[in-house]
Every structure is written in C-alpha cells, then in structure tokens.
PDB file of N, CA and C in Angstrom:
ATOM      1  N   MET A   1     -27.349 -12.052 -10.951  1.00  0.00           N
ATOM      2  CA  MET A   1     -26.290 -12.273 -11.427  1.00  0.00           C
ATOM      3  C   MET A   1     -25.122 -11.240 -10.661  1.00  0.00           C
ATOM      4  N   PRO A   2     -24.065 -12.195 -10.147  1.00  0.00           N
ATOM      5  CA  PRO A   2     -22.925 -11.517  -9.279  1.00  0.00           C
ATOM      6  C   PRO A   2     -22.428 -10.266 -10.186  1.00  0.00           C
ATOM      7  N   LYS A   3     -21.697  -9.375  -9.460  1.00  0.00           N
ATOM      8  CA  LYS A   3     -21.373  -8.525 -10.103  1.00  0.00           C
ATOM      9  C   LYS A   3     -20.056  -8.144 -11.184  1.00  0.00           C
ATOM     10  N   GLY A   4     -19.202  -9.484 -11.034  1.00  0.00           N
ATOM     11  CA  GLY A   4     -17.979 -10.045 -11.491  1.00  0.00           C
ATOM     12  C   GLY A   4     -18.713 -10.516 -13.008  1.00  0.00           C
ATOM     13  N   LEU A   5     -19.417 -11.073 -12.685  1.00  0.00           N
ATOM     14  CA  LEU A   5     -20.140 -11.489 -14.142  1.00  0.00           C
ATOM     15  C   LEU A   5     -20.877 -10.540 -15.260  1.00  0.00           C
ATOM     16  N   GLU A   6     -21.589  -9.854 -14.328  1.00  0.00           N
ATOM     17  CA  GLU A   6     -22.258  -8.574 -14.526  1.00  0.00           C
ATOM     18  C   GLU A   6     -20.959  -7.321 -15.467  1.00  0.00           C
ATOM     19  N   VAL A   7     -20.154  -7.470 -14.728  1.00  0.00           N
ATOM     20  CA  VAL A   7     -18.654  -6.352 -15.576  1.00  0.00           C
ATOM     21  C   VAL A   7     -18.095  -7.135 -16.612  1.00  0.00           C
ATOM     22  N   ILE A   8     -17.916  -8.620 -16.739  1.00  0.00           N
ATOM     23  CA  ILE A   8     -17.356  -9.251 -17.973  1.00  0.00           C
ATOM     24  C   ILE A   8     -18.295  -9.467 -18.910  1.00  0.00           C
ATOM     25  N   LYS A   9     -19.708  -9.358 -18.816  1.00  0.00           N
ATOM     26  CA  LYS A   9     -21.034  -9.118 -19.747  1.00  0.00           C
ATOM     27  C   LYS A   9     -20.196  -8.085 -20.381  1.00  0.00           C
ATOM     28  N   GLN A  10     -20.440  -7.059 -19.873  1.00  0.00           N
ATOM     29  CA  GLN A  10     -20.357  -5.210 -20.389  1.00  0.00           C
ATOM     30  C   GLN A  10     -19.445  -5.360 -21.026  1.00  0.00           C
ATOM     31  N   LYS A  11     -18.038  -5.816 -20.734  1.00  0.00           N
ATOM     32  CA  LYS A  11     -16.512  -5.990 -21.748  1.00  0.00           C
ATOM     33  C   LYS A  11     -17.017  -6.463 -22.823  1.00  0.00           C
ATOM     34  N   LEU A  12     -17.801  -7.646 -22.720  1.00  0.00           N
ATOM     35  CA  LEU A  12     -17.871  -8.442 -24.005  1.00  0.00           C
ATOM     36  C   LEU A  12     -18.754  -8.025 -24.689  1.00  0.00           C
ATOM     37  N   GLN A  13     -19.350  -7.326 -24.531  1.00  0.00           N
ATOM     38  CA  GLN A  13     -20.857  -6.469 -25.120  1.00  0.00           C
ATOM     39  C   GLN A  13     -20.076  -5.224 -25.648  1.00  0.00           C
ATOM     40  N   GLU A  14     -18.707  -4.531 -25.078  1.00  0.00           N
ATOM     41  CA  GLU A  14     -18.136  -3.154 -25.812  1.00  0.00           C
ATOM     42  C   GLU A  14     -17.059  -3.888 -26.477  1.00  0.00           C
ATOM     43  N   ASP A  15     -16.691  -5.232 -26.580  1.00  0.00           N
ATOM     44  CA  ASP A  15     -14.911  -5.318 -27.127  1.00  0.00           C
ATOM     45  C   ASP A  15     -15.919  -6.762 -27.880  1.00  0.00           C
ATOM     46  N   GLN A  16     -15.846  -6.601 -29.462  1.00  0.00           N
ATOM     47  CA  GLN A  16     -16.411  -7.943 -30.291  1.00  0.00           C
ATOM     48  C   GLN A  16     -15.592  -8.551 -30.604  1.00  0.00           C
ATOM     49  N   SER A  17     -14.269  -8.773 -30.102  1.00  0.00           N
ATOM     50  CA  SER A  17     -13.070  -8.902 -30.772  1.00  0.00           C
ATOM     51  C   SER A  17     -13.220 -10.515 -30.368  1.00  0.00           C
ATOM     52  N   TRP A  18     -13.493 -11.201 -29.421  1.00  0.00           N
ATOM     53  CA  TRP A  18     -13.942 -12.350 -28.958  1.00  0.00           C
ATOM     54  C   TRP A  18     -14.561 -13.219 -29.767  1.00  0.00           C
ATOM     55  N   ARG A  19     -15.517 -12.834 -31.049  1.00  0.00           N
ATOM     56  CA  ARG A  19     -16.173 -13.079 -31.574  1.00  0.00           C
ATOM     57  C   ARG A  19     -15.280 -14.168 -32.844  1.00  0.00           C
ATOM     58  N   THR A  20     -13.970 -13.553 -33.085  1.00  0.00           N
ATOM     59  CA  THR A  20     -13.460 -14.305 -34.050  1.00  0.00           C
ATOM     60  C   THR A  20     -13.197 -15.788 -33.747  1.00  0.00           C
ATOM     61  N   VAL A  21     -13.512 -15.981 -32.519  1.00  0.00           N
ATOM     62  CA  VAL A  21     -12.906 -17.151 -32.083  1.00  0.00           C
ATOM     63  C   VAL A  21     -13.813 -18.424 -31.412  1.00  0.00           C
ATOM     64  N   THR A  22     -15.307 -17.968 -31.342  1.00  0.00           N
ATOM     65  CA  THR A  22     -16.025 -18.807 -30.740  1.00  0.00           C
ATOM     66  C   THR A  22     -17.248 -18.353 -31.624  1.00  0.00           C
ATOM     67  N   VAL A  23     -18.576 -19.111 -31.768  1.00  0.00           N
ATOM     68  CA  VAL A  23     -19.814 -18.672 -32.780  1.00  0.00           C
ATOM     69  C   VAL A  23     -20.672 -18.732 -31.118  1.00  0.00           C
ATOM     70  N   MET A  24     -20.307 -19.487 -29.925  1.00  0.00           N
ATOM     71  CA  MET A  24     -21.286 -19.076 -28.749  1.00  0.00           C
ATOM     72  C   MET A  24     -21.640 -17.247 -28.607  1.00  0.00           C
ATOM     73  N   GLU A  25     -22.779 -17.451 -28.050  1.00  0.00           N
ATOM     74  CA  GLU A  25     -23.796 -16.214 -27.864  1.00  0.00           C
ATOM     75  C   GLU A  25     -22.824 -15.435 -26.256  1.00  0.00           C
ATOM     76  N   ILE A  26     -23.081 -14.010 -25.966  1.00  0.00           N
ATOM     77  CA  ILE A  26     -22.563 -13.690 -24.673  1.00  0.00           C
ATOM     78  C   ILE A  26     -23.142 -13.824 -23.506  1.00  0.00           C
ATOM     79  N   TYR A  27     -24.774 -14.593 -24.049  1.00  0.00           N
ATOM     80  CA  TYR A  27     -25.444 -15.632 -22.853  1.00  0.00           C
ATOM     81  C   TYR A  27     -24.478 -16.653 -22.853  1.00  0.00           C
ATOM     82  N   ASP A  28     -24.154 -17.306 -23.831  1.00  0.00           N
ATOM     83  CA  ASP A  28     -23.307 -18.128 -23.487  1.00  0.00           C
ATOM     84  C   ASP A  28     -22.408 -18.446 -22.481  1.00  0.00           C
ATOM     85  N   VAL A  29     -21.534 -17.715 -23.203  1.00  0.00           N
ATOM     86  CA  VAL A  29     -20.125 -17.675 -22.479  1.00  0.00           C
ATOM     87  C   VAL A  29     -20.348 -17.060 -21.035  1.00  0.00           C
ATOM     88  N   VAL A  30     -21.455 -15.934 -20.901  1.00  0.00           N
ATOM     89  CA  VAL A  30     -21.265 -15.481 -19.562  1.00  0.00           C
ATOM     90  C   VAL A  30     -22.073 -17.180 -18.322  1.00  0.00           C
ATOM     91  N   GLU A  31     -22.695 -18.044 -19.060  1.00  0.00           N
ATOM     92  CA  GLU A  31     -23.479 -18.424 -18.258  1.00  0.00           C
ATOM     93  C   GLU A  31     -22.262 -20.240 -17.675  1.00  0.00           C
ATOM     94  N   LEU A  32     -21.625 -20.026 -18.999  1.00  0.00           N
ATOM     95  CA  LEU A  32     -20.244 -21.728 -18.987  1.00  0.00           C
ATOM     96  C   LEU A  32     -19.150 -20.759 -17.580  1.00  0.00           C
ATOM     97  N   LEU A  33     -18.845 -19.672 -18.097  1.00  0.00           N
ATOM     98  CA  LEU A  33     -18.379 -18.775 -16.936  1.00  0.00           C
ATOM     99  C   LEU A  33     -18.787 -18.715 -15.951  1.00  0.00           C
ATOM    100  N   GLU A  34     -20.096 -18.484 -15.105  1.00  0.00           N
ATOM    101  CA  GLU A  34     -20.664 -18.866 -13.721  1.00  0.00           C
ATOM    102  C   GLU A  34     -20.357 -20.453 -13.857  1.00  0.00           C
ATOM    103  N   PHE A  35     -20.823 -21.138 -14.736  1.00  0.00           N
ATOM    104  CA  PHE A  35     -20.605 -22.677 -14.157  1.00  0.00           C
ATOM    105  C   PHE A  35     -18.919 -23.241 -13.576  1.00  0.00           C
ATOM    106  N   ALA A  36     -18.183 -22.744 -14.201  1.00  0.00           N
ATOM    107  CA  ALA A  36     -16.453 -23.023 -14.526  1.00  0.00           C
ATOM    108  C   ALA A  36     -16.643 -22.014 -13.073  1.00  0.00           C
ATOM    109  N   LEU A  37     -16.901 -20.998 -12.500  1.00  0.00           N
ATOM    110  CA  LEU A  37     -16.272 -20.466 -11.879  1.00  0.00           C
ATOM    111  C   LEU A  37     -17.111 -20.346 -10.094  1.00  0.00           C
ATOM    112  N   THR A  38     -18.475 -21.603 -10.376  1.00  0.00           N
ATOM    113  CA  THR A  38     -19.438 -21.665  -9.299  1.00  0.00           C
ATOM    114  C   THR A  38     -18.911 -23.230  -8.754  1.00  0.00           C
ATOM    115  N   THR A  39     -18.962 -23.495  -9.484  1.00  0.00           N
ATOM    116  CA  THR A  39     -19.543 -25.478  -9.056  1.00  0.00           C
ATOM    117  C   THR A  39     -17.641 -26.071  -8.767  1.00  0.00           C
ATOM    118  N   THR A  40     -17.002 -25.803  -8.227  1.00  0.00           N
ATOM    119  CA  THR A  40     -16.038 -26.677  -8.243  1.00  0.00           C
ATOM    120  C   THR A  40     -15.745 -27.336  -6.342  1.00  0.00           C
ATOM    121  N   CYS A  41     -15.638 -28.245  -6.643  1.00  0.00           N
ATOM    122  CA  CYS A  41     -15.367 -29.251  -5.494  1.00  0.00           C
ATOM    123  C   CYS A  41     -13.775 -29.190  -5.616  1.00  0.00           C
ATOM    124  N   PHE A  42     -13.447 -29.855  -3.706  1.00  0.00           N
ATOM    125  CA  PHE A  42     -11.930 -30.377  -3.703  1.00  0.00           C
ATOM    126  C   PHE A  42     -12.216 -30.961  -2.116  1.00  0.00           C
ATOM    127  N   ARG A  43     -10.848 -31.600  -2.316  1.00  0.00           N
ATOM    128  CA  ARG A  43     -10.737 -32.818  -1.221  1.00  0.00           C
ATOM    129  C   ARG A  43      -9.773 -32.049  -0.424  1.00  0.00           C
ATOM    130  N   PHE A  44     -10.230 -31.940   1.016  1.00  0.00           N
ATOM    131  CA  PHE A  44      -9.351 -31.924   2.194  1.00  0.00           C
ATOM    132  C   PHE A  44      -9.283 -32.526   3.212  1.00  0.00           C
ATOM    133  N   ARG A  45      -8.385 -33.232   3.844  1.00  0.00           N
ATOM    134  CA  ARG A  45      -7.828 -33.912   4.791  1.00  0.00           C
ATOM    135  C   ARG A  45      -8.790 -35.046   4.358  1.00  0.00           C
ATOM    136  N   GLY A  46      -9.318 -35.772   3.028  1.00  0.00           N
ATOM    137  CA  GLY A  46     -10.313 -36.753   2.641  1.00  0.00           C
ATOM    138  C   GLY A  46     -11.661 -36.657   2.888  1.00  0.00           C
ATOM    139  N   GLN A  47     -12.021 -35.049   3.259  1.00  0.00           N
ATOM    140  CA  GLN A  47     -13.089 -34.736   3.371  1.00  0.00           C
ATOM    141  C   GLN A  47     -13.320 -34.095   1.859  1.00  0.00           C
ATOM    142  N   LEU A  48     -14.378 -34.441   0.955  1.00  0.00           N
ATOM    143  CA  LEU A  48     -15.062 -33.614  -0.251  1.00  0.00           C
ATOM    144  C   LEU A  48     -15.540 -32.249   0.524  1.00  0.00           C
ATOM    145  N   TYR A  49     -15.921 -31.313  -0.807  1.00  0.00           N
ATOM    146  CA  TYR A  49     -16.219 -29.841  -0.110  1.00  0.00           C
ATOM    147  C   TYR A  49     -16.841 -29.314  -1.386  1.00  0.00           C
ATOM    148  N   ARG A  50     -17.832 -28.853  -1.200  1.00  0.00           N
ATOM    149  CA  ARG A  50     -18.210 -27.824  -2.466  1.00  0.00           C
ATOM    150  C   ARG A  50     -17.991 -26.656  -2.227  1.00  0.00           C
ATOM    151  N   GLN A  51     -17.252 -25.806  -3.074  1.00  0.00           N
ATOM    152  CA  GLN A  51     -16.984 -24.330  -2.920  1.00  0.00           C
ATOM    153  C   GLN A  51     -18.236 -23.545  -2.955  1.00  0.00           C
ATOM    154  N   LYS A  52     -18.736 -22.549  -2.087  1.00  0.00           N
ATOM    155  CA  LYS A  52     -20.171 -22.206  -2.287  1.00  0.00           C
ATOM    156  C   LYS A  52     -19.446 -20.368  -2.657  1.00  0.00           C
ATOM    157  N   PHE A  53     -18.769 -19.831  -1.970  1.00  0.00           N
ATOM    158  CA  PHE A  53     -18.433 -18.172  -2.250  1.00  0.00           C
ATOM    159  C   PHE A  53     -16.964 -18.232  -3.055  1.00  0.00           C
ATOM    160  N   GLY A  54     -17.142 -17.327  -3.568  1.00  0.00           N
ATOM    161  CA  GLY A  54     -16.021 -16.790  -4.183  1.00  0.00           C
ATOM    162  C   GLY A  54     -16.070 -17.147  -5.826  1.00  0.00           C
ATOM    163  N   THR A  55     -14.484 -17.146  -6.502  1.00  0.00           N
ATOM    164  CA  THR A  55     -14.494 -18.027  -7.151  1.00  0.00           C
ATOM    165  C   THR A  55     -13.161 -19.692  -7.467  1.00  0.00           C
ATOM    166  N   ALA A  56     -13.948 -20.322  -7.509  1.00  0.00           N
ATOM    167  CA  ALA A  56     -13.527 -21.550  -7.796  1.00  0.00           C
ATOM    168  C   ALA A  56     -11.563 -22.091  -7.393  1.00  0.00           C
ATOM    169  N   MET A  57     -11.274 -22.245  -6.801  1.00  0.00           N
ATOM    170  CA  MET A  57      -9.674 -21.925  -5.958  1.00  0.00           C
ATOM    171  C   MET A  57      -9.639 -23.311  -7.192  1.00  0.00           C
ATOM    172  N   GLY A  58      -7.909 -22.933  -7.892  1.00  0.00           N
ATOM    173  CA  GLY A  58      -7.582 -23.700  -8.487  1.00  0.00           C
ATOM    174  C   GLY A  58      -7.857 -23.437 -10.420  1.00  0.00           C
ATOM    175  N   SER A  59      -9.075 -22.541 -10.326  1.00  0.00           N
ATOM    176  CA  SER A  59      -9.512 -22.776 -11.860  1.00  0.00           C
ATOM    177  C   SER A  59      -8.856 -21.620 -12.432  1.00  0.00           C
ATOM    178  N   PRO A  60      -8.532 -22.332 -13.524  1.00  0.00           N
ATOM    179  CA  PRO A  60      -7.003 -21.079 -14.343  1.00  0.00           C
ATOM    180  C   PRO A  60      -8.534 -19.823 -15.141  1.00  0.00           C
ATOM    181  N   VAL A  61      -9.488 -20.066 -14.551  1.00  0.00           N
ATOM    182  CA  VAL A  61     -10.379 -19.030 -15.604  1.00  0.00           C
ATOM    183  C   VAL A  61     -10.479 -17.687 -14.088  1.00  0.00           C
ATOM    184  N   SER A  62      -9.982 -18.249 -12.941  1.00  0.00           N
ATOM    185  CA  SER A  62     -10.820 -17.737 -11.962  1.00  0.00           C
ATOM    186  C   SER A  62      -9.493 -16.347 -11.432  1.00  0.00           C
ATOM    187  N   PRO A  63      -8.349 -16.289 -12.120  1.00  0.00           N
ATOM    188  CA  PRO A  63      -7.840 -15.271 -12.105  1.00  0.00           C
ATOM    189  C   PRO A  63      -8.182 -14.177 -13.572  1.00  0.00           C
ATOM    190  N   LEU A  64      -8.609 -14.697 -14.180  1.00  0.00           N
ATOM    191  CA  LEU A  64      -8.609 -13.818 -15.170  1.00  0.00           C
ATOM    192  C   LEU A  64     -10.107 -12.881 -15.527  1.00  0.00           C
ATOM    193  N   ALA A  65     -11.173 -14.058 -14.375  1.00  0.00           N
ATOM    194  CA  ALA A  65     -12.559 -13.174 -13.890  1.00  0.00           C
ATOM    195  C   ALA A  65     -11.911 -11.789 -12.947  1.00  0.00           C
ATOM    196  N   ALA A  66     -10.825 -11.798 -11.731  1.00  0.00           N
ATOM    197  CA  ALA A  66     -10.701 -11.116 -11.188  1.00  0.00           C
ATOM    198  C   ALA A  66     -10.245 -10.239 -11.144  1.00  0.00           C
ATOM    199  N   ASP A  67      -8.824 -10.565 -12.449  1.00  0.00           N
ATOM    200  CA  ASP A  67      -8.647  -8.981 -13.173  1.00  0.00           C
ATOM    201  C   ASP A  67      -9.679  -8.109 -13.649  1.00  0.00           C
ATOM    202  N   ALA A  68     -10.278  -8.525 -14.678  1.00  0.00           N
ATOM    203  CA  ALA A  68     -11.483  -8.387 -15.097  1.00  0.00           C
ATOM    204  C   ALA A  68     -12.233  -7.416 -14.208  1.00  0.00           C
ATOM    205  N   TYR A  69     -12.406  -8.034 -12.548  1.00  0.00           N
ATOM    206  CA  TYR A  69     -13.130  -7.136 -12.154  1.00  0.00           C
ATOM    207  C   TYR A  69     -12.473  -5.929 -11.293  1.00  0.00           C
ATOM    208  N   MET A  70     -11.250  -6.185 -11.607  1.00  0.00           N
ATOM    209  CA  MET A  70     -10.310  -5.282 -10.426  1.00  0.00           C
ATOM    210  C   MET A  70     -10.101  -4.252 -11.174  1.00  0.00           C
ATOM    211  N   GLU A  71     -10.367  -4.703 -12.702  1.00  0.00           N
ATOM    212  CA  GLU A  71      -9.709  -3.495 -13.548  1.00  0.00           C
ATOM    213  C   GLU A  71     -11.097  -2.973 -13.477  1.00  0.00           C
ATOM    214  N   HIS A  72     -12.253  -2.947 -13.908  1.00  0.00           N
ATOM    215  CA  HIS A  72     -13.558  -1.975 -13.627  1.00  0.00           C
ATOM    216  C   HIS A  72     -13.662  -1.195 -12.236  1.00  0.00           C
ATOM    217  N   LEU A  73     -13.161  -1.768 -11.154  1.00  0.00           N
ATOM    218  CA  LEU A  73     -13.307  -1.632  -9.787  1.00  0.00           C
ATOM    219  C   LEU A  73     -12.072  -0.195  -9.913  1.00  0.00           C
ATOM    220  N   GLU A  74     -11.131  -0.300 -10.373  1.00  0.00           N
ATOM    221  CA  GLU A  74      -9.803   0.364 -10.428  1.00  0.00           C
ATOM    222  C   GLU A  74     -10.261   1.502 -10.947  1.00  0.00           C
ATOM    223  N   GLU A  75     -11.032   1.801 -12.233  1.00  0.00           N
ATOM    224  CA  GLU A  75     -11.283   2.393 -13.445  1.00  0.00           C
ATOM    225  C   GLU A  75     -12.360   3.066 -12.855  1.00  0.00           C
ATOM    226  N   THR A  76     -13.303   2.708 -11.806  1.00  0.00           N
ATOM    227  CA  THR A  76     -14.364   3.681 -11.529  1.00  0.00           C
ATOM    228  C   THR A  76     -13.771   4.246 -10.369  1.00  0.00           C
ATOM    229  N   ALA A  77     -13.120   3.850  -9.385  1.00  0.00           N
ATOM    230  CA  ALA A  77     -12.802   4.568  -8.487  1.00  0.00           C
ATOM    231  C   ALA A  77     -11.084   5.652  -9.229  1.00  0.00           C
ATOM    232  N   ILE A  78     -11.131   5.483  -9.832  1.00  0.00           N
ATOM    233  CA  ILE A  78     -10.197   7.280 -10.208  1.00  0.00           C
ATOM    234  C   ILE A  78     -11.299   7.261 -11.392  1.00  0.00           C
ATOM    235  N   THR A  79     -11.965   7.356 -11.920  1.00  0.00           N
ATOM    236  CA  THR A  79     -12.872   8.754 -12.474  1.00  0.00           C
ATOM    237  C   THR A  79     -13.907   9.096 -12.199  1.00  0.00           C
ATOM    238  N   THR A  80     -14.211   8.268 -10.685  1.00  0.00           N
ATOM    239  CA  THR A  80     -14.984   8.914  -9.676  1.00  0.00           C
ATOM    240  C   THR A  80     -14.588   9.604  -8.673  1.00  0.00           C
ATOM    241  N   ALA A  81     -13.432   9.199  -8.121  1.00  0.00           N
ATOM    242  CA  ALA A  81     -12.437  10.437  -7.455  1.00  0.00           C
ATOM    243  C   ALA A  81     -12.747  11.726  -7.322  1.00  0.00           C
ATOM    244  N   PRO A  82     -13.095  12.377  -6.306  1.00  0.00           N
ATOM    245  CA  PRO A  82     -12.620  14.093  -6.248  1.00  0.00           C
ATOM    246  C   PRO A  82     -11.725  14.518  -6.778  1.00  0.00           C
ATOM    247  N   PRO A  83     -11.634  15.468  -7.562  1.00  0.00           N
ATOM    248  CA  PRO A  83     -10.564  15.862  -7.853  1.00  0.00           C
ATOM    249  C   PRO A  83      -8.936  16.289  -7.172  1.00  0.00           C
ATOM    250  N   ASP A  84      -8.842  16.504  -5.713  1.00  0.00           N
ATOM    251  CA  ASP A  84      -8.361  16.605  -4.410  1.00  0.00           C
ATOM    252  C   ASP A  84      -7.571  15.228  -4.319  1.00  0.00           C
ATOM    253  N   ILE A  85      -7.752  14.300  -4.538  1.00  0.00           N
ATOM    254  CA  ILE A  85      -7.363  13.069  -3.414  1.00  0.00           C
ATOM    255  C   ILE A  85      -7.309  11.814  -5.340  1.00  0.00           C
ATOM    256  N   LYS A  86      -7.521  12.561  -6.133  1.00  0.00           N
ATOM    257  CA  LYS A  86      -7.740  11.209  -7.824  1.00  0.00           C
ATOM    258  C   LYS A  86      -5.917  11.291  -7.359  1.00  0.00           C
ATOM    259  N   PRO A  87      -5.697  10.260  -7.793  1.00  0.00           N
ATOM    260  CA  PRO A  87      -4.268  10.010  -8.630  1.00  0.00           C
ATOM    261  C   PRO A  87      -3.660  10.776  -9.302  1.00  0.00           C
ATOM    262  N   LYS A  88      -2.124  11.062  -9.812  1.00  0.00           N
ATOM    263  CA  LYS A  88      -1.954  11.401 -10.639  1.00  0.00           C
ATOM    264  C   LYS A  88      -1.112  10.322 -11.518  1.00  0.00           C
ATOM    265  N   LEU A  89      -0.972   9.592 -10.543  1.00  0.00           N
ATOM    266  CA  LEU A  89      -0.280   8.259 -11.598  1.00  0.00           C
ATOM    267  C   LEU A  89      -1.020   7.013 -11.033  1.00  0.00           C
ATOM    268  N   TRP A  90      -1.493   6.161 -11.694  1.00  0.00           N
ATOM    269  CA  TRP A  90      -1.667   4.859 -11.315  1.00  0.00           C
ATOM    270  C   TRP A  90      -1.146   3.591 -12.287  1.00  0.00           C
ATOM    271  N   LYS A  91      -0.603   2.907 -11.413  1.00  0.00           N
ATOM    272  CA  LYS A  91       0.538   1.533 -11.683  1.00  0.00           C
ATOM    273  C   LYS A  91      -0.322   0.212 -11.028  1.00  0.00           C
ATOM    274  N   CYS A  92       0.446  -0.247 -11.734  1.00  0.00           N
ATOM    275  CA  CYS A  92      -0.930  -1.575 -10.979  1.00  0.00           C
ATOM    276  C   CYS A  92       0.138  -2.823 -11.925  1.00  0.00           C
ATOM    277  N   TYR A  93       0.752  -4.243 -10.776  1.00  0.00           N
ATOM    278  CA  TYR A  93       1.784  -4.971 -11.080  1.00  0.00           C
ATOM    279  C   TYR A  93       0.732  -6.649 -11.273  1.00  0.00           C
ATOM    280  N   VAL A  94       0.669  -7.001 -12.564  1.00  0.00           N
ATOM    281  CA  VAL A  94      -0.006  -8.161 -11.882  1.00  0.00           C
ATOM    282  C   VAL A  94       1.333  -9.468 -13.017  1.00  0.00           C
ATOM    283  N   TRP A  95       1.377 -10.243 -12.140  1.00  0.00           N
ATOM    284  CA  TRP A  95       2.339 -11.353 -12.666  1.00  0.00           C
ATOM    285  C   TRP A  95       1.535 -12.475 -13.225  1.00  0.00           C
ATOM    286  N   MET A  96       1.235 -12.663 -14.016  1.00  0.00           N
ATOM    287  CA  MET A  96       0.222 -14.144 -14.472  1.00  0.00           C
ATOM    288  C   MET A  96       1.409 -15.262 -15.050  1.00  0.00           C
ATOM    289  N   THR A  97       1.260 -16.545 -14.800  1.00  0.00           N
ATOM    290  CA  THR A  97       1.982 -17.550 -15.636  1.00  0.00           C
ATOM    291  C   THR A  97       1.272 -18.317 -16.375  1.00  0.00           C
ATOM    292  N   PHE A  98       1.243 -19.055 -17.823  1.00  0.00           N
ATOM    293  CA  PHE A  98       0.618 -19.218 -18.779  1.00  0.00           C
ATOM    294  C   PHE A  98       1.032 -20.930 -19.012  1.00  0.00           C
TER     295      PHE A  98
END
C-alpha cells in the first residue's frame, strides 16, 4: 500500500467522526480511494493515456489526499527535528476552492 494511503488509513482509525456519514468500513474507504487515485485515463492530442504514477490529475480527491499526506509529513518533520533547528513558528497556506 502506498505511504499516502497508509497515512489516510491511520487518520481514519484515529478520528472516527467520518462514521456518521457512511456505513463503510475503513478497508472499503481506502480501497475506493486507491481506485479513484490510481485509475485515471486522459486524452492528450487525440491519444488516450492511463496515468501510472502519482495521484489522478483533475480528480477532486487528489488535493485532499495530498493535503492529508503533507500534514503527516510536516508533523513528522517538526516533531523529529533536532531542537537547534526546530522552527519556532510553522505556518502553512493552502487555498482550495470547492
């Protein structure tokens, strides 16, 4: 399982509030997310392609998955940084439209 999906699975296990909107199990959510992120086809100059690497281009799920992983990466980097180089202040700017 890709690291990004592992992070999302862990977040789903830690915060069970999502269970109020679905009866699916964590396995089902992660499997559907993996499908949505890895099975994208697109047309470029009349040629049909299947994306093999990274998240699905243009998918509304991709930014959410990327944000979840980046939050995990930032938290890990900050908590494991040596005290002499640990930032005193950390700000993150994210602009998303829905």
